[in-house]
Amino acid sequence: MSASVEKQCLNCVHSNGDFDKCYCLYKGKVPFDGVCRKYKLDLLKIKPRPPINLNTDDIVIERI
């Protein structure tokens, strides 16, 4: 698991992934930032970082 992804019920395979009303298959209603021993990361629930904006002036291509 990546160091940038924190263990949270919000990102677990066993939760519904809802920020406001996080519901676990095993524990029922849980806080979105909670975690238990059954935690398993679901990569599809992670929001990717926004892309980096690059200016064309910053890119330098040298000819060989």
N, C-alpha and C. Protein backbone atom coordinates (compact mmCIF):
# COMPACT_ATOMS: atom_id res chain seq x y z
N MET A 1 0.85 -1.18 0.00
CA MET A 1 0.00 0.00 0.00
C MET A 1 0.89 1.24 0.00
N SER A 2 0.47 2.23 -0.71
CA SER A 2 1.23 3.46 -0.81
C SER A 2 1.22 4.22 0.52
N ALA A 3 2.31 4.92 0.81
CA ALA A 3 2.40 5.68 2.04
C ALA A 3 1.48 6.89 2.03
N SER A 4 1.08 7.36 0.84
CA SER A 4 0.24 8.55 0.75
C SER A 4 -1.24 8.24 1.01
N VAL A 5 -1.63 6.97 1.02
CA VAL A 5 -3.01 6.60 1.26
C VAL A 5 -3.16 6.15 2.72
N GLU A 6 -3.99 6.87 3.46
CA GLU A 6 -4.20 6.53 4.86
C GLU A 6 -5.25 5.44 4.98
N LYS A 7 -5.10 4.61 6.00
CA LYS A 7 -6.12 3.60 6.27
C LYS A 7 -7.35 4.30 6.80
N GLN A 8 -8.45 4.21 6.07
CA GLN A 8 -9.73 4.80 6.48
C GLN A 8 -10.84 3.89 6.01
N CYS A 9 -11.91 3.81 6.78
CA CYS A 9 -13.07 3.02 6.37
C CYS A 9 -13.61 3.50 5.03
N LEU A 10 -13.42 4.74 4.74
CA LEU A 10 -13.89 5.32 3.48
C LEU A 10 -13.31 4.60 2.27
N ASN A 11 -12.06 4.13 2.37
CA ASN A 11 -11.37 3.48 1.26
C ASN A 11 -11.38 1.95 1.35
N CYS A 12 -12.15 1.38 2.23
CA CYS A 12 -12.15 -0.06 2.47
C CYS A 12 -13.08 -0.79 1.49
N VAL A 13 -12.72 -2.04 1.18
CA VAL A 13 -13.51 -2.89 0.30
C VAL A 13 -14.88 -3.18 0.92
N HIS A 14 -14.93 -3.25 2.24
CA HIS A 14 -16.15 -3.66 2.94
C HIS A 14 -17.10 -2.50 3.25
N SER A 15 -16.75 -1.27 2.86
CA SER A 15 -17.63 -0.13 3.13
C SER A 15 -18.30 0.33 1.84
N ASN A 16 -19.31 1.17 2.00
CA ASN A 16 -20.00 1.70 0.82
C ASN A 16 -19.27 2.89 0.22
N GLY A 17 -18.27 3.43 0.90
CA GLY A 17 -17.46 4.52 0.37
C GLY A 17 -18.12 5.88 0.44
N ASP A 18 -19.20 6.01 1.21
CA ASP A 18 -19.90 7.29 1.34
C ASP A 18 -19.26 8.11 2.45
N PHE A 19 -18.89 9.35 2.14
CA PHE A 19 -18.22 10.22 3.11
C PHE A 19 -19.14 10.58 4.27
N ASP A 20 -20.40 10.85 4.01
CA ASP A 20 -21.33 11.28 5.06
C ASP A 20 -21.85 10.13 5.90
N LYS A 21 -22.25 9.04 5.26
CA LYS A 21 -22.85 7.90 5.96
C LYS A 21 -22.10 6.63 5.59
N CYS A 22 -20.92 6.44 6.17
CA CYS A 22 -20.10 5.29 5.86
C CYS A 22 -20.68 4.05 6.55
N TYR A 23 -20.97 3.02 5.77
CA TYR A 23 -21.58 1.80 6.28
C TYR A 23 -20.67 0.62 5.97
N CYS A 24 -20.28 -0.13 7.00
CA CYS A 24 -19.40 -1.28 6.87
C CYS A 24 -20.23 -2.56 6.81
N LEU A 25 -19.79 -3.52 6.01
CA LEU A 25 -20.46 -4.80 5.88
C LEU A 25 -20.43 -5.57 7.20
N TYR A 26 -19.37 -5.41 7.99
CA TYR A 26 -19.21 -6.15 9.24
C TYR A 26 -19.64 -5.37 10.48
N LYS A 27 -19.33 -4.07 10.53
CA LYS A 27 -19.55 -3.27 11.74
C LYS A 27 -20.81 -2.40 11.70
N GLY A 28 -21.42 -2.25 10.54
CA GLY A 28 -22.58 -1.36 10.43
C GLY A 28 -22.12 0.07 10.20
N LYS A 29 -22.80 1.03 10.82
CA LYS A 29 -22.45 2.43 10.65
C LYS A 29 -21.14 2.73 11.38
N VAL A 30 -20.18 3.30 10.64
CA VAL A 30 -18.85 3.61 11.19
C VAL A 30 -18.44 5.00 10.75
N PRO A 31 -17.50 5.62 11.48
CA PRO A 31 -16.97 6.91 11.02
C PRO A 31 -16.11 6.69 9.78
N PHE A 32 -16.12 7.64 8.86
CA PHE A 32 -15.39 7.49 7.60
C PHE A 32 -13.89 7.37 7.83
N ASP A 33 -13.36 7.94 8.91
CA ASP A 33 -11.92 7.90 9.16
C ASP A 33 -11.51 6.79 10.12
N GLY A 34 -12.45 5.91 10.47
CA GLY A 34 -12.14 4.78 11.34
C GLY A 34 -11.42 3.68 10.57
N VAL A 35 -10.97 2.67 11.31
CA VAL A 35 -10.30 1.52 10.69
C VAL A 35 -10.42 0.33 11.64
N CYS A 36 -10.49 -0.87 11.07
CA CYS A 36 -10.56 -2.08 11.89
C CYS A 36 -9.63 -3.14 11.32
N ARG A 37 -9.60 -4.31 11.94
CA ARG A 37 -8.70 -5.39 11.49
C ARG A 37 -9.11 -5.98 10.15
N LYS A 38 -10.35 -5.81 9.74
CA LYS A 38 -10.83 -6.34 8.46
C LYS A 38 -10.56 -5.39 7.30
N TYR A 39 -9.87 -4.29 7.58
CA TYR A 39 -9.60 -3.27 6.55
C TYR A 39 -8.84 -3.88 5.37
N LYS A 40 -9.32 -3.57 4.18
CA LYS A 40 -8.66 -3.98 2.94
C LYS A 40 -8.85 -2.85 1.94
N LEU A 41 -7.76 -2.33 1.41
CA LEU A 41 -7.80 -1.17 0.52
C LEU A 41 -8.49 -1.49 -0.80
N ASP A 42 -9.42 -0.62 -1.19
CA ASP A 42 -10.08 -0.72 -2.50
C ASP A 42 -9.53 0.42 -3.36
N LEU A 43 -8.71 0.08 -4.33
CA LEU A 43 -8.06 1.10 -5.16
C LEU A 43 -9.03 1.93 -5.98
N LEU A 44 -10.21 1.39 -6.27
CA LEU A 44 -11.19 2.13 -7.06
C LEU A 44 -11.87 3.25 -6.27
N LYS A 45 -11.74 3.26 -4.95
CA LYS A 45 -12.36 4.30 -4.13
C LYS A 45 -11.43 5.48 -3.86
N ILE A 46 -10.19 5.39 -4.30
CA ILE A 46 -9.23 6.46 -4.07
C ILE A 46 -9.33 7.48 -5.20
N LYS A 47 -9.42 8.75 -4.83
CA LYS A 47 -9.47 9.81 -5.82
C LYS A 47 -8.04 10.17 -6.23
N PRO A 48 -7.75 10.18 -7.53
CA PRO A 48 -6.39 10.51 -7.97
C PRO A 48 -6.06 11.98 -7.76
N ARG A 49 -4.78 12.26 -7.67
CA ARG A 49 -4.34 13.65 -7.55
C ARG A 49 -4.60 14.39 -8.85
N PRO A 50 -4.81 15.70 -8.80
CA PRO A 50 -4.99 16.45 -10.04
C PRO A 50 -3.69 16.45 -10.84
N PRO A 51 -3.78 16.51 -12.17
CA PRO A 51 -2.56 16.51 -12.99
C PRO A 51 -1.75 17.78 -12.80
N ILE A 52 -0.47 17.67 -13.03
CA ILE A 52 0.43 18.82 -12.91
C ILE A 52 0.34 19.64 -14.19
N ASN A 53 0.18 20.93 -14.04
CA ASN A 53 0.13 21.82 -15.20
C ASN A 53 1.55 22.23 -15.58
N LEU A 54 1.95 21.89 -16.78
CA LEU A 54 3.28 22.25 -17.26
C LEU A 54 3.17 23.30 -18.35
N ASN A 55 4.01 24.28 -18.27
CA ASN A 55 4.09 25.29 -19.32
C ASN A 55 5.02 24.78 -20.41
N THR A 56 4.71 25.07 -21.66
CA THR A 56 5.58 24.63 -22.75
C THR A 56 6.92 25.36 -22.71
N ASP A 57 6.98 26.49 -22.02
CA ASP A 57 8.24 27.23 -21.89
C ASP A 57 9.21 26.49 -20.97
N ASP A 58 8.69 25.68 -20.05
CA ASP A 58 9.52 24.97 -19.10
C ASP A 58 10.16 23.72 -19.69
N ILE A 59 9.63 23.23 -20.80
CA ILE A 59 10.13 22.00 -21.40
C ILE A 59 11.24 22.32 -22.38
N VAL A 60 12.39 21.68 -22.18
CA VAL A 60 13.54 21.90 -23.05
C VAL A 60 13.90 20.57 -23.70
N ILE A 61 13.93 20.55 -25.02
CA ILE A 61 14.30 19.36 -25.75
C ILE A 61 15.59 19.66 -26.51
N GLU A 62 16.60 18.85 -26.21
CA GLU A 62 17.89 19.06 -26.85
C GLU A 62 18.04 18.09 -28.01
N ARG A 63 18.61 18.56 -29.09
CA ARG A 63 18.89 17.70 -30.24
C ARG A 63 20.25 17.04 -30.04
N ILE A 64 20.31 15.80 -30.41
CA ILE A 64 21.58 15.07 -30.27
C ILE A 64 22.32 15.08 -31.59
